[in-house]
Amino acid sequence: MAIAGNLATMGMAELLPFLETGQKSGVLSVRRESVSKEIFFEKGSIIGSTSTDPKEYFGQFLLHYGKIDEAQLQSALEAQRHQRQVPLGNILLSMGVFSEPEMMELLRLRALEIMYELFLWEQADFRFADQAKPPENLIPIQIKPTSVVMEGVYRIDEWRRYRQVLSSDRVILGLVPGRTPASVEEGSDIPRILWFVKKRMTVGEICYNMHASPFHIYSRLHQLVAEGVVQVVDELPQPTGTLVPTEPEAGGQALQQAKEHFASGALFEALTLLERLLESEPGNAEASALLAAVEPKFVQQTCSRLLAPEKVPKVLASLETVMTMGLGPKEGFILSRINGSWDVRSILSICPFREAESLLILRKLLESKLIGF
């Protein structure tokens, strides 16, 4: 028996207890725009979860917790390319990155983070497929849905509080002279966050560079603001400059233009229009479906014609020029990973963005002559 609906009418706080009480086994799929998540149940217990959001990949999670660095992740993903059925966790286990008990705990924490974010999704379609099987290579864990609900509901209220102080990922904070955090435990990520604040990074850039969920970074920054250690000093406008295409026409016309570009093979133009359209209309189901069709073809076309995986990009522009370009957090993150030694494949492997999105940014950087080969 399949159960389907939308989180707007039946939220996670109701859905998870329903599946637990019914001792359900199967797969709960939740989709919003280009991101889909799956939660795997066995007799009412959660045994794992997956996400197509690159920010929630296991490698990104390990980067945040300091278990690996970006070079180690790139190396492990390269090994996984030749062992496609082997989970990344097992590859890192064979590399001696962690013990098996440590790996299981990290997988459990990552599965929880994937689910917690669903409580912050106000609109998303879900479907529960009764008795559907999890992936064969899933490393099973055990989580009680009740515990997920308690934390998830708490995060809903906390997120609203954070957003009252930090209104967007374009906010810039500054250090308050003479103020330091009340107490910093050993291993805390507060010192690193403060270092990024000192560098005048936006909240979005801090999230990307910490390889952390927005909720985690917003909570840390909100705490630092409350303690008087940092303060909001600015909020950047929406990115402008040569990297941003001309303003698209009204939604319907832009969608039609994107369809025409897709049909004619102008995938860069189609993808650019769809990205902009979904920024203004995130709930546009037709645009999301078209984006899903465009992205894999764009990746194939771009990698074969312009950005071959083995090519090594270099930064061509001066720092002064870069500063005048009005780059967004994602562009800034990718540009900072272009070091003259990493090839395109390596850069893509450590980016917390969709592959097509990263390639789109690289192409725009290339066409703006900020980078070259």
Protein backbone atom coordinates (compact mmCIF):
# COMPACT_ATOMS: atom_id res chain seq x y z
CA MET A 1 0.00 0.00 0.00
CA ALA A 2 1.38 3.42 -1.00
CA ILE A 3 0.78 6.57 1.02
CA ALA A 4 1.23 9.93 -0.69
CA GLY A 5 0.71 13.59 0.13
CA ASN A 6 2.40 16.91 0.79
CA LEU A 7 4.21 18.09 3.91
CA ALA A 8 1.99 21.17 3.92
CA THR A 9 -0.94 18.98 4.99
CA MET A 10 0.85 16.17 6.81
CA GLY A 11 4.19 17.21 8.26
CA MET A 12 7.06 15.03 9.41
CA ALA A 13 5.90 15.36 13.02
CA GLU A 14 2.74 13.41 12.07
CA LEU A 15 4.14 11.22 9.31
CA LEU A 16 7.00 9.56 11.20
CA PRO A 17 4.91 8.48 14.25
CA PHE A 18 2.24 7.13 11.87
CA LEU A 19 4.82 4.88 10.18
CA GLU A 20 6.35 3.85 13.52
CA THR A 21 2.99 2.98 15.12
CA GLY A 22 2.00 0.96 12.06
CA GLN A 23 5.29 -0.98 12.23
CA LYS A 24 5.81 -0.14 8.58
CA SER A 25 8.59 -1.46 6.40
CA GLY A 26 9.36 0.36 3.16
CA VAL A 27 10.74 3.57 1.72
CA LEU A 28 9.54 7.11 2.41
CA SER A 29 10.49 9.40 -0.49
CA VAL A 30 10.29 13.19 -0.09
CA ARG A 31 10.97 15.58 -2.96
CA ARG A 32 11.28 19.35 -3.19
CA GLU A 33 12.47 20.96 -6.43
CA SER A 34 15.67 19.16 -7.47
CA VAL A 35 16.31 17.52 -4.09
CA SER A 36 14.90 14.15 -3.12
CA LYS A 37 15.42 12.21 0.11
CA GLU A 38 14.62 8.65 1.07
CA ILE A 39 14.11 7.24 4.55
CA PHE A 40 14.22 3.47 4.92
CA PHE A 41 11.98 1.74 7.47
CA GLU A 42 12.00 -1.76 8.90
CA LYS A 43 9.17 -2.70 11.25
CA GLY A 44 8.63 0.92 12.27
CA SER A 45 12.31 1.72 12.88
CA ILE A 46 14.48 3.88 10.63
CA ILE A 47 17.46 1.95 9.25
CA GLY A 48 18.95 4.66 7.04
CA SER A 49 18.40 7.67 4.82
CA THR A 50 19.83 9.13 1.62
CA SER A 51 19.75 12.53 -0.06
CA THR A 52 20.52 13.90 -3.51
CA ASP A 53 21.54 17.22 -1.96
CA PRO A 54 25.36 17.33 -2.28
CA LYS A 55 25.59 19.25 1.01
CA GLU A 56 24.30 16.09 2.72
CA TYR A 57 26.60 13.57 1.08
CA PHE A 58 28.59 11.49 3.56
CA GLY A 59 31.85 13.03 2.35
CA GLN A 60 30.63 16.57 3.08
CA PHE A 61 29.46 15.43 6.51
CA LEU A 62 32.91 14.03 7.28
CA LEU A 63 34.58 17.26 6.14
CA HIS A 64 32.45 19.20 8.61
CA TYR A 65 33.36 16.91 11.50
CA GLY A 66 37.05 17.13 10.62
CA LYS A 67 37.37 13.39 9.99
CA ILE A 68 38.92 14.01 6.58
CA ASP A 69 40.20 16.96 4.57
CA GLU A 70 39.25 17.90 1.02
CA ALA A 71 42.30 16.14 -0.47
CA GLN A 72 41.39 12.88 1.33
CA LEU A 73 37.79 13.13 0.14
CA GLN A 74 38.93 13.66 -3.44
CA SER A 75 41.22 10.62 -3.18
CA ALA A 76 38.48 8.42 -1.69
CA LEU A 77 35.95 9.47 -4.33
CA GLU A 78 38.49 8.71 -7.04
CA ALA A 79 38.87 5.21 -5.58
CA GLN A 80 35.09 4.85 -5.45
CA ARG A 81 34.85 5.65 -9.16
CA HIS A 82 36.55 2.30 -9.79
CA GLN A 83 34.52 0.46 -7.14
CA ARG A 84 31.02 1.78 -7.80
CA GLN A 85 29.17 -0.70 -5.59
CA VAL A 86 31.35 -0.01 -2.54
CA PRO A 87 29.96 2.65 -0.14
CA LEU A 88 32.23 5.61 0.54
CA GLY A 89 32.25 4.71 4.23
CA ASN A 90 33.79 1.31 3.51
CA ILE A 91 36.44 2.85 1.29
CA LEU A 92 37.40 5.32 4.02
CA LEU A 93 37.33 2.47 6.55
CA SER A 94 39.90 0.59 4.44
CA MET A 95 41.99 3.77 4.31
CA GLY A 96 42.13 3.82 8.12
CA VAL A 97 40.22 7.10 8.46
CA PHE A 98 38.05 5.70 11.26
CA SER A 99 37.12 2.47 13.01
CA GLU A 100 33.94 0.56 12.22
CA PRO A 101 32.12 1.72 15.41
CA GLU A 102 33.08 5.33 14.58
CA MET A 103 31.79 4.89 11.04
CA MET A 104 28.44 3.53 12.28
CA GLU A 105 28.00 6.47 14.66
CA LEU A 106 28.85 8.95 11.90
CA LEU A 107 26.37 7.28 9.54
CA ARG A 108 23.71 7.54 12.25
CA LEU A 109 24.40 11.25 12.83
CA ARG A 110 24.38 11.97 9.10
CA ALA A 111 21.06 10.11 8.65
CA LEU A 112 19.58 12.23 11.44
CA GLU A 113 20.74 15.48 9.83
CA ILE A 114 19.16 14.46 6.52
CA MET A 115 15.84 13.93 8.29
CA TYR A 116 15.96 16.98 10.55
CA GLU A 117 16.06 19.32 7.57
CA LEU A 118 12.76 17.87 6.34
CA PHE A 119 11.05 19.51 9.32
CA LEU A 120 12.05 22.89 7.85
CA TRP A 121 10.48 22.07 4.47
CA GLU A 122 7.06 23.67 4.36
CA GLN A 123 6.21 22.37 0.89
CA ALA A 124 7.33 18.97 -0.46
CA ASP A 125 5.66 15.92 -1.97
CA PHE A 126 6.07 12.59 -0.18
CA ARG A 127 5.27 8.98 -0.96
CA PHE A 128 5.66 5.89 1.18
CA ALA A 129 6.14 2.66 -0.75
CA ASP A 130 5.11 -0.20 1.55
CA GLN A 131 7.54 -3.16 1.58
CA ALA A 132 9.90 -1.44 -0.88
CA LYS A 133 13.47 -2.56 -0.35
CA PRO A 134 16.41 -0.31 0.60
CA PRO A 135 19.53 -0.22 -1.62
CA GLU A 136 21.58 -3.40 -1.50
CA ASN A 137 24.71 -1.52 -0.40
CA LEU A 138 22.96 0.32 2.47
CA ILE A 139 24.84 0.03 5.76
CA PRO A 140 21.89 -0.30 8.18
CA ILE A 141 21.57 1.68 11.40
CA GLN A 142 18.80 1.86 14.03
CA ILE A 143 16.91 5.07 14.86
CA LYS A 144 13.57 5.46 16.64
CA PRO A 145 11.28 7.91 14.75
CA THR A 146 10.09 9.39 18.07
CA SER A 147 13.54 10.77 18.82
CA VAL A 148 13.71 12.35 15.35
CA VAL A 149 10.37 14.11 15.86
CA MET A 150 11.41 15.67 19.19
CA GLU A 151 14.53 17.26 17.71
CA GLY A 152 12.80 18.16 14.44
CA VAL A 153 10.01 20.13 16.16
CA TYR A 154 12.60 21.91 18.29
CA ARG A 155 14.49 22.95 15.16
CA ILE A 156 11.40 24.51 13.57
CA ASP A 157 11.10 27.01 16.42
CA GLU A 158 14.84 27.62 16.60
CA TRP A 159 15.12 28.25 12.85
CA ARG A 160 12.52 31.01 13.08
CA ARG A 161 14.57 32.66 15.85
CA TYR A 162 17.78 32.47 13.86
CA ARG A 163 16.21 34.02 10.78
CA GLN A 164 15.01 37.03 12.77
CA VAL A 165 18.66 37.96 13.36
CA LEU A 166 20.30 36.47 10.24
CA SER A 167 17.82 37.22 7.49
CA SER A 168 19.69 35.59 4.58
CA ASP A 169 22.89 33.82 3.58
CA ARG A 170 24.14 37.17 2.22
CA VAL A 171 24.52 38.63 5.72
CA ILE A 172 28.05 39.67 6.72
CA LEU A 173 29.07 39.76 10.37
CA GLY A 174 32.01 41.44 12.09
CA LEU A 175 33.92 40.79 15.29
CA VAL A 176 33.06 43.03 18.24
CA PRO A 177 36.35 44.49 19.58
CA GLY A 178 37.36 43.18 22.99
CA ARG A 179 34.73 40.42 23.11
CA THR A 180 35.45 36.70 23.13
CA PRO A 181 33.15 33.66 23.49
CA ALA A 182 32.19 32.82 27.07
CA SER A 183 33.61 29.30 26.82
CA VAL A 184 34.92 27.21 23.97
CA GLU A 185 35.18 23.45 24.44
CA GLU A 186 38.08 21.50 23.00
CA GLY A 187 37.30 20.52 19.41
CA SER A 188 34.65 23.24 19.01
CA ASP A 189 34.19 24.75 15.55
CA ILE A 190 33.65 28.24 17.03
CA PRO A 191 37.30 29.37 16.44
CA ARG A 192 37.11 28.41 12.77
CA ILE A 193 33.76 30.16 12.35
CA LEU A 194 35.20 33.31 13.95
CA TRP A 195 38.13 33.12 11.54
CA PHE A 196 35.71 33.15 8.60
CA VAL A 197 33.80 36.04 10.20
CA LYS A 198 37.09 37.96 10.47
CA LYS A 199 37.62 37.38 6.74
CA ARG A 200 34.25 39.08 6.13
CA MET A 201 32.66 36.00 4.58
CA THR A 202 28.89 35.93 4.16
CA VAL A 203 26.84 33.46 6.16
CA GLY A 204 26.43 31.39 2.97
CA GLU A 205 30.18 31.27 2.39
CA ILE A 206 30.75 30.16 5.98
CA CYS A 207 28.24 27.32 5.49
CA TYR A 208 29.99 26.13 2.33
CA ASN A 209 33.52 26.40 3.74
CA MET A 210 32.51 24.61 6.94
CA HIS A 211 30.74 21.92 4.85
CA ALA A 212 27.93 22.25 7.39
CA SER A 213 24.16 22.50 7.28
CA PRO A 214 22.70 26.02 7.38
CA PHE A 215 20.93 25.16 10.64
CA HIS A 216 24.22 24.35 12.36
CA ILE A 217 26.02 27.50 11.19
CA TYR A 218 23.04 29.78 11.84
CA SER A 219 22.77 28.37 15.38
CA ARG A 220 26.46 29.02 16.08
CA LEU A 221 26.33 32.55 14.65
CA HIS A 222 23.08 33.34 16.48
CA GLN A 223 24.77 32.26 19.73
CA LEU A 224 27.78 34.49 19.00
CA VAL A 225 25.51 37.46 18.26
CA ALA A 226 23.61 36.87 21.52
CA GLU A 227 26.91 36.79 23.44
CA GLY A 228 27.96 40.08 21.84
CA VAL A 229 31.00 38.46 20.19
CA VAL A 230 29.91 39.25 16.63
CA GLN A 231 27.42 41.63 15.09
CA VAL A 232 25.62 42.02 11.78
CA VAL A 233 27.42 44.70 9.77
CA ASP A 234 26.01 44.34 6.26
CA GLU A 235 23.88 42.31 3.88
CA LEU A 236 24.97 41.97 0.29
CA PRO A 237 22.39 42.52 -2.46
CA GLN A 238 21.49 39.74 -4.84
CA PRO A 239 24.61 38.92 -6.94
CA THR A 240 25.12 41.25 -9.89
CA GLY A 241 27.75 41.62 -12.56
CA THR A 242 28.91 39.65 -15.56
CA LEU A 243 28.29 36.25 -13.98
CA VAL A 244 24.55 36.86 -13.78
CA PRO A 245 22.60 36.60 -17.04
CA THR A 246 20.18 39.24 -18.16
CA GLU A 247 16.85 39.31 -16.37
CA PRO A 248 14.54 36.63 -17.77
CA GLU A 249 11.09 37.35 -19.00
CA ALA A 250 8.00 36.56 -16.95
CA GLY A 251 7.85 33.01 -15.59
CA GLY A 252 5.72 31.45 -18.31
CA GLN A 253 7.72 33.01 -21.11
CA ALA A 254 11.03 32.08 -19.46
CA LEU A 255 9.90 28.46 -19.13
CA GLN A 256 8.90 28.37 -22.79
CA GLN A 257 12.27 29.83 -23.78
CA ALA A 258 14.03 27.22 -21.66
CA LYS A 259 12.08 24.46 -23.44
CA GLU A 260 13.09 25.87 -26.82
CA HIS A 261 16.75 26.09 -25.78
CA PHE A 262 16.61 22.51 -24.52
CA ALA A 263 15.06 21.27 -27.75
CA SER A 264 17.73 23.02 -29.85
CA GLY A 265 20.62 21.76 -27.71
CA ALA A 266 21.41 25.17 -26.16
CA LEU A 267 21.75 23.56 -22.73
CA PHE A 268 23.75 26.34 -21.07
CA GLU A 269 21.07 28.88 -21.93
CA ALA A 270 18.28 26.50 -20.85
CA LEU A 271 19.96 25.75 -17.52
CA THR A 272 20.70 29.41 -16.81
CA LEU A 273 17.07 30.39 -17.40
CA LEU A 274 15.77 27.56 -15.24
CA GLU A 275 18.13 28.41 -12.36
CA ARG A 276 16.91 32.01 -12.38
CA LEU A 277 13.28 31.01 -12.74
CA LEU A 278 13.44 28.61 -9.79
CA GLU A 279 15.07 31.30 -7.65
CA SER A 280 11.95 33.45 -8.09
CA GLU A 281 9.45 30.55 -8.26
CA PRO A 282 10.88 27.70 -6.13
CA GLY A 283 7.62 25.77 -6.25
CA ASN A 284 7.39 25.66 -10.05
CA ALA A 285 6.99 21.91 -10.63
CA GLU A 286 7.25 22.13 -14.42
CA ALA A 287 10.51 24.07 -14.23
CA SER A 288 11.90 21.57 -11.69
CA ALA A 289 11.01 18.64 -13.95
CA LEU A 290 12.65 20.33 -16.93
CA LEU A 291 15.74 21.09 -14.84
CA ALA A 292 16.05 17.39 -14.00
CA ALA A 293 16.02 16.60 -17.73
CA VAL A 294 18.45 19.37 -18.69
CA GLU A 295 21.11 18.83 -16.03
CA PRO A 296 22.52 15.40 -17.05
CA LYS A 297 22.71 16.44 -20.71
CA PHE A 298 24.38 19.72 -19.75
CA VAL A 299 26.96 17.84 -17.67
CA GLN A 300 27.73 15.48 -20.54
CA GLN A 301 27.94 18.29 -23.09
CA THR A 302 30.06 20.58 -20.91
CA CYS A 303 32.52 17.86 -19.88
CA SER A 304 33.01 16.72 -23.47
CA ARG A 305 33.34 20.16 -25.07
CA LEU A 306 34.55 22.78 -22.63
CA LEU A 307 35.43 21.53 -19.15
CA ALA A 308 37.04 18.13 -19.57
CA PRO A 309 37.45 16.41 -16.18
CA GLU A 310 41.24 16.20 -16.51
CA LYS A 311 41.74 19.91 -17.32
CA VAL A 312 43.42 22.03 -14.63
CA PRO A 313 41.92 25.54 -14.36
CA LYS A 314 43.90 28.54 -13.13
CA VAL A 315 42.81 31.91 -11.76
CA LEU A 316 43.68 34.62 -14.31
CA ALA A 317 42.24 37.73 -12.69
CA SER A 318 43.76 39.75 -9.88
CA LEU A 319 42.19 39.82 -6.42
CA GLU A 320 41.11 43.44 -7.06
CA THR A 321 39.24 42.38 -10.21
CA VAL A 322 37.59 39.45 -8.45
CA MET A 323 36.39 41.74 -5.65
CA THR A 324 34.54 43.96 -8.15
CA MET A 325 32.68 41.09 -9.83
CA GLY A 326 29.87 40.78 -7.27
CA LEU A 327 30.35 37.04 -6.88
CA GLY A 328 27.87 35.04 -4.83
CA PRO A 329 28.86 32.59 -2.06
CA LYS A 330 28.92 29.60 -4.40
CA GLU A 331 31.07 31.32 -7.02
CA GLY A 332 33.46 32.45 -4.28
CA PHE A 333 33.72 28.92 -2.88
CA ILE A 334 34.56 27.35 -6.24
CA LEU A 335 37.00 30.12 -7.18
CA SER A 336 38.87 29.56 -3.90
CA ARG A 337 39.36 25.86 -4.80
CA ILE A 338 41.06 26.66 -8.12
CA ASN A 339 44.69 26.30 -7.09
CA GLY A 340 46.47 25.45 -10.34
CA SER A 341 46.93 21.79 -9.41
CA TRP A 342 43.43 20.36 -8.99
CA ASP A 343 41.67 19.31 -12.17
CA VAL A 344 37.98 19.87 -12.89
CA ARG A 345 37.04 16.40 -11.59
CA SER A 346 38.80 17.05 -8.26
CA ILE A 347 37.10 20.43 -7.81
CA LEU A 348 33.68 18.95 -8.55
CA SER A 349 34.23 16.12 -6.08
CA ILE A 350 34.58 18.39 -3.04
CA CYS A 351 31.93 21.01 -3.92
CA PRO A 352 28.75 20.92 -1.80
CA PHE A 353 26.69 21.71 -4.92
CA ARG A 354 25.06 19.70 -7.68
CA GLU A 355 27.49 18.72 -10.42
CA ALA A 356 25.56 20.67 -13.06
CA GLU A 357 25.44 23.73 -10.82
CA SER A 358 29.20 23.59 -10.22
CA LEU A 359 29.90 23.22 -13.95
CA LEU A 360 27.56 26.12 -14.70
CA ILE A 361 29.54 28.32 -12.30
CA LEU A 362 32.88 27.15 -13.75
CA ARG A 363 31.67 27.96 -17.25
CA LYS A 364 30.58 31.45 -16.21
CA LEU A 365 33.94 32.02 -14.50
CA LEU A 366 35.65 30.86 -17.69
CA GLU A 367 33.57 33.08 -19.97
CA SER A 368 34.17 36.05 -17.65
CA LYS A 369 37.92 35.39 -18.02
CA LEU A 370 38.36 35.04 -14.27
CA ILE A 371 39.79 31.57 -14.90
CA GLY A 372 41.45 29.81 -17.82
CA PHE A 373 43.51 26.74 -18.76
